[in-house]
C-alpha atoms as a PDB file:
ATOM      1  CA  MET A   1     -30.963 -30.253   2.320  1.00  0.00           C
ATOM      2  CA  LYS A   2     -33.424 -27.741   0.660  1.00  0.00           C
ATOM      3  CA  ARG A   3     -37.272 -29.448   0.236  1.00  0.00           C
ATOM      4  CA  HIS A   4     -39.109 -28.591  -2.273  1.00  0.00           C
ATOM      5  CA  THR A   5     -42.214 -30.604  -3.737  1.00  0.00           C
ATOM      6  CA  ILE A   6     -43.192 -29.776  -7.315  1.00  0.00           C
ATOM      7  CA  GLN A   7     -46.619 -30.865  -8.317  1.00  0.00           C
ATOM      8  CA  PRO A   8     -46.726 -32.402 -12.358  1.00  0.00           C
ATOM      9  CA  ALA A   9     -46.846 -28.996 -13.992  1.00  0.00           C
ATOM     10  CA  GLU A  10     -43.121 -27.972 -12.922  1.00  0.00           C
ATOM     11  CA  GLY A  11     -40.459 -30.492 -14.595  1.00  0.00           C
ATOM     12  CA  PHE A  12     -42.965 -32.398 -15.579  1.00  0.00           C
ATOM     13  CA  ASN A  13     -43.291 -33.193 -19.369  1.00  0.00           C
ATOM     14  CA  VAL A  14     -46.410 -35.533 -21.046  1.00  0.00           C
ATOM     15  CA  LEU A  15     -44.611 -37.000 -23.907  1.00  0.00           C
ATOM     16  CA  THR A  16     -47.722 -38.857 -25.327  1.00  0.00           C
ATOM     17  CA  THR A  17     -50.621 -40.897 -24.115  1.00  0.00           C
ATOM     18  CA  SER A  18     -52.784 -43.334 -25.323  1.00  0.00           C
ATOM     19  CA  ALA A  19     -55.982 -44.740 -24.477  1.00  0.00           C
ATOM     20  CA  ARG A  20     -53.719 -47.139 -22.054  1.00  0.00           C
ATOM     21  CA  SER A  21     -50.659 -45.664 -21.350  1.00  0.00           C
ATOM     22  CA  GLN A  22     -48.927 -42.117 -21.147  1.00  0.00           C
ATOM     23  CA  MET A  23     -45.477 -41.171 -21.077  1.00  0.00           C
ATOM     24  CA  ALA A  24     -43.562 -38.385 -19.034  1.00  0.00           C
ATOM     25  CA  THR A  25     -40.256 -37.279 -18.267  1.00  0.00           C
ATOM     26  CA  MET A  26     -39.693 -35.402 -14.888  1.00  0.00           C
ATOM     27  CA  VAL A  27     -36.677 -34.050 -13.826  1.00  0.00           C
ATOM     28  CA  LEU A  28     -35.765 -32.960  -9.978  1.00  0.00           C
ATOM     29  CA  ALA A  29     -33.213 -30.386  -8.932  1.00  0.00           C
ATOM     30  CA  VAL A  30     -30.769 -31.170  -6.679  1.00  0.00           C
ATOM     31  CA  GLY A  31     -32.654 -30.951  -3.138  1.00  0.00           C
ATOM     32  CA  GLU A  32     -36.140 -31.361  -4.510  1.00  0.00           C
ATOM     33  CA  SER A  33     -39.165 -34.033  -4.042  1.00  0.00           C
ATOM     34  CA  THR A  34     -42.215 -34.717  -5.868  1.00  0.00           C
ATOM     35  CA  GLY A  35     -44.880 -36.733  -3.758  1.00  0.00           C
ATOM     36  CA  GLY A  36     -45.375 -37.599   0.110  1.00  0.00           C
ATOM     37  CA  PRO A  37     -46.952 -39.964   2.252  1.00  0.00           C
ATOM     38  CA  ASP A  38     -50.899 -38.886   1.015  1.00  0.00           C
ATOM     39  CA  ASN A  39     -49.492 -39.150  -2.510  1.00  0.00           C
ATOM     40  CA  ARG A  40     -51.368 -42.424  -4.381  1.00  0.00           C
ATOM     41  CA  HIS A  41     -52.314 -42.513  -7.942  1.00  0.00           C
ATOM     42  CA  PRO A  42     -55.496 -44.366  -7.664  1.00  0.00           C
ATOM     43  CA  ASP A  43     -55.997 -46.506 -10.767  1.00  0.00           C
ATOM     44  CA  GLN A  44     -52.223 -46.239 -12.271  1.00  0.00           C
ATOM     45  CA  ASP A  45     -49.055 -48.534 -11.939  1.00  0.00           C
ATOM     46  CA  GLN A  46     -46.152 -46.252 -12.883  1.00  0.00           C
ATOM     47  CA  TRP A  47     -43.087 -47.424 -14.274  1.00  0.00           C
ATOM     48  CA  LEU A  48     -40.154 -45.045 -13.508  1.00  0.00           C
ATOM     49  CA  TYR A  49     -36.593 -45.215 -15.004  1.00  0.00           C
ATOM     50  CA  ILE A  50     -33.981 -42.933 -14.052  1.00  0.00           C
ATOM     51  CA  LEU A  51     -31.666 -41.848 -16.507  1.00  0.00           C
ATOM     52  CA  SER A  52     -29.122 -39.677 -15.097  1.00  0.00           C
ATOM     53  CA  GLY A  53     -28.598 -38.453 -11.598  1.00  0.00           C
ATOM     54  CA  GLU A  54     -29.261 -39.942  -8.193  1.00  0.00           C
ATOM     55  CA  GLY A  55     -31.874 -39.843  -5.692  1.00  0.00           C
ATOM     56  CA  ARG A  56     -34.116 -41.917  -3.441  1.00  0.00           C
ATOM     57  CA  ALA A  57     -37.352 -43.222  -3.799  1.00  0.00           C
ATOM     58  CA  VAL A  58     -40.034 -43.999  -0.462  1.00  0.00           C
ATOM     59  CA  VAL A  59     -42.585 -46.306  -1.764  1.00  0.00           C
ATOM     60  CA  GLU A  60     -45.029 -47.757   1.112  1.00  0.00           C
ATOM     61  CA  GLY A  61     -42.404 -46.927   3.426  1.00  0.00           C
ATOM     62  CA  GLN A  62     -39.319 -48.705   1.837  1.00  0.00           C
ATOM     63  CA  THR A  63     -36.799 -47.404   0.860  1.00  0.00           C
ATOM     64  CA  VAL A  64     -35.323 -47.335  -2.796  1.00  0.00           C
ATOM     65  CA  ASP A  65     -31.780 -45.656  -4.023  1.00  0.00           C
ATOM     66  CA  LEU A  66     -32.322 -44.496  -7.697  1.00  0.00           C
ATOM     67  CA  ALA A  67     -29.227 -44.316 -10.000  1.00  0.00           C
ATOM     68  CA  PRO A  68     -29.015 -44.515 -13.830  1.00  0.00           C
ATOM     69  CA  GLY A  69     -30.850 -47.557 -15.451  1.00  0.00           C
ATOM     70  CA  VAL A  70     -32.957 -48.610 -12.366  1.00  0.00           C
ATOM     71  CA  LEU A  71     -36.635 -49.003 -13.056  1.00  0.00           C
ATOM     72  CA  LEU A  72     -38.997 -49.274 -10.411  1.00  0.00           C
ATOM     73  CA  LEU A  73     -42.525 -50.102 -10.298  1.00  0.00           C
ATOM     74  CA  ILE A  74     -44.997 -48.170  -8.255  1.00  0.00           C
ATOM     75  CA  GLU A  75     -48.379 -49.414  -8.443  1.00  0.00           C
ATOM     76  CA  THR A  76     -51.901 -48.997  -7.888  1.00  0.00           C
ATOM     77  CA  GLY A  77     -52.640 -46.915  -4.379  1.00  0.00           C
ATOM     78  CA  GLU A  78     -48.832 -46.957  -3.248  1.00  0.00           C
ATOM     79  CA  ALA A  79     -47.893 -44.085  -1.315  1.00  0.00           C
ATOM     80  CA  HIS A  80     -44.623 -42.508  -2.871  1.00  0.00           C
ATOM     81  CA  GLU A  81     -42.042 -40.114  -3.055  1.00  0.00           C
ATOM     82  CA  ILE A  82     -39.233 -39.380  -5.510  1.00  0.00           C
ATOM     83  CA  ARG A  83     -36.058 -37.029  -3.884  1.00  0.00           C
ATOM     84  CA  CYS A  84     -32.777 -35.909  -5.998  1.00  0.00           C
ATOM     85  CA  THR A  85     -30.276 -36.780  -3.367  1.00  0.00           C
ATOM     86  CA  GLY A  86     -27.036 -36.476  -5.868  1.00  0.00           C
ATOM     87  CA  GLY A  87     -24.953 -33.368  -6.700  1.00  0.00           C
ATOM     88  CA  ALA A  88     -27.099 -32.952 -10.605  1.00  0.00           C
ATOM     89  CA  PRO A  89     -30.241 -33.090 -11.603  1.00  0.00           C
ATOM     90  CA  LEU A  90     -32.224 -36.534 -11.627  1.00  0.00           C
ATOM     91  CA  GLU A  91     -34.094 -37.218 -14.746  1.00  0.00           C
ATOM     92  CA  THR A  92     -36.546 -39.807 -15.102  1.00  0.00           C
ATOM     93  CA  PHE A  93     -39.093 -41.219 -17.761  1.00  0.00           C
ATOM     94  CA  SER A  94     -42.616 -42.513 -16.281  1.00  0.00           C
ATOM     95  CA  ILE A  95     -45.051 -45.196 -18.050  1.00  0.00           C
ATOM     96  CA  TYR A  96     -48.667 -44.430 -16.155  1.00  0.00           C
ATOM     97  CA  ALA A  97     -51.200 -47.289 -17.077  1.00  0.00           C
ATOM     98  CA  PRO A  98     -53.790 -45.990 -17.856  1.00  0.00           C
ATOM     99  CA  PRO A  99     -53.037 -42.413 -18.091  1.00  0.00           C
ATOM    100  CA  ALA A 100     -52.666 -40.530 -14.810  1.00  0.00           C
ATOM    101  CA  TYR A 101     -52.015 -37.043 -16.210  1.00  0.00           C
END
């Protein structure tokens, strides 16, 4: 499996930001991942909703399978990685509170 870590600028699109929250979409190609053991949002909760595709999240060492309709809460300070494991891109919608980017 190809491993490629993206930063928020690639495949990541902030849709809107308010004083207290932010909405964004992210697309990971097959085999791509973002984050890792050092990836933490020090001041934000992240709600990650899976729109399409399949993937796997590792949050604080716990593995969560991702599929359309799954809603995952990544709490403030939790280390996390998101990986596309299916045969099609993984498309997600996130809400950050407060804004992260």
